[in-house]
Protein backbone atom coordinates (compact mmCIF):
# COMPACT_ATOMS: atom_id res chain seq x y z
CA UNK A 1 100.08 115.93 87.41
CA UNK A 2 103.49 114.74 88.51
CA UNK A 3 104.16 111.80 90.81
CA UNK A 4 104.69 113.98 93.87
CA UNK A 5 101.43 115.85 93.34
CA UNK A 6 99.55 112.60 92.84
CA UNK A 7 101.09 111.18 96.02
CA UNK A 8 99.79 114.19 97.95
CA UNK A 9 96.34 113.87 96.36
CA UNK A 10 96.25 110.19 97.26
CA UNK A 11 97.33 110.78 100.86
CA UNK A 12 95.02 113.72 101.53
CA UNK A 13 91.87 113.21 99.47
CA UNK A 14 91.59 109.54 98.58
CA UNK A 15 93.04 107.36 101.33
CA UNK A 16 91.34 108.90 104.42
CA UNK A 17 87.73 108.44 103.23
CA UNK A 18 88.58 105.01 101.84
CA UNK A 19 90.10 103.91 105.14
CA UNK A 20 87.04 105.24 106.98
CA UNK A 21 84.76 103.21 104.67
CA UNK A 22 86.86 100.06 105.16
CA UNK A 23 86.78 100.51 108.95
CA UNK A 24 83.03 101.14 108.94
CA UNK A 25 82.24 98.05 106.88
CA UNK A 26 84.69 95.68 108.51
CA UNK A 27 84.47 96.84 112.12
CA UNK A 28 88.27 97.12 112.13
CA UNK A 29 90.17 99.99 113.65
CA UNK A 30 91.35 102.64 111.20
CA UNK A 31 94.93 101.39 111.71
CA UNK A 32 93.92 97.84 110.75
CA UNK A 33 91.86 99.18 107.85
CA UNK A 34 94.89 101.13 106.67
CA UNK A 35 97.05 98.02 106.91
CA UNK A 36 94.53 96.09 104.81
CA UNK A 37 94.49 98.83 102.19
CA UNK A 38 98.25 99.40 102.04
CA UNK A 39 98.99 95.68 101.69
CA UNK A 40 96.48 95.20 98.86
CA UNK A 41 96.97 94.95 95.14
CA UNK A 42 94.21 97.56 94.82
CA UNK A 43 96.37 100.11 96.65
CA UNK A 44 99.31 99.28 94.42
CA UNK A 45 97.13 100.00 91.40
CA UNK A 46 95.51 103.05 93.03
CA UNK A 47 99.00 104.44 93.53
CA UNK A 48 99.57 104.40 89.77
CA UNK A 49 97.99 107.63 88.54
CA UNK A 50 97.98 106.37 84.97
CA UNK A 51 95.34 103.74 85.86
CA UNK A 52 92.93 106.51 86.91
CA UNK A 53 91.41 104.54 89.80
CA UNK A 54 91.40 107.76 91.85
CA UNK A 55 88.15 108.84 90.21
CA UNK A 56 86.14 106.02 91.80
CA UNK A 57 84.26 106.79 95.03
CA UNK A 58 85.45 105.43 98.39
CA UNK A 59 82.40 103.12 98.37
CA UNK A 60 83.29 101.69 94.97
CA UNK A 61 86.97 101.35 95.89
CA UNK A 62 85.95 99.55 99.08
CA UNK A 63 83.77 97.19 97.04
CA UNK A 64 86.79 96.49 94.84
CA UNK A 65 89.00 95.87 97.88
CA UNK A 66 86.45 93.50 99.43
CA UNK A 67 86.34 91.56 96.18
CA UNK A 68 90.14 91.36 96.10
CA UNK A 69 90.27 90.13 99.68
CA UNK A 70 87.56 87.51 99.19
CA UNK A 71 88.36 86.26 95.68
CA UNK A 72 91.87 87.45 94.88
CA UNK A 73 90.61 89.35 91.83
CA UNK A 74 89.56 92.92 91.18
CA UNK A 75 86.74 93.79 88.79
CA UNK A 76 86.89 97.30 87.41
CA UNK A 77 83.47 98.95 87.08
CA UNK A 78 82.29 99.87 83.62
CA UNK A 79 82.30 103.55 82.81
CA UNK A 80 78.84 104.94 82.19
CA UNK A 81 78.82 106.78 78.93
């Protein structure tokens, strides 16, 4: 997948449900939730297709974002295998 295709995938399939989950948990508006996401280190890493964070669910990504916001670190879940 090229960078342009991944950008479209991110914008259409990954970000909207993640923003909805952030807004639901935090009580923020979707605009504020989007601002929180876009200014995070998690989003920077999510934007890098090579890191493969796109395969995590919106719930798991939101957990990771909450951890980043509260502790400044991100723990990547272990792959079941």
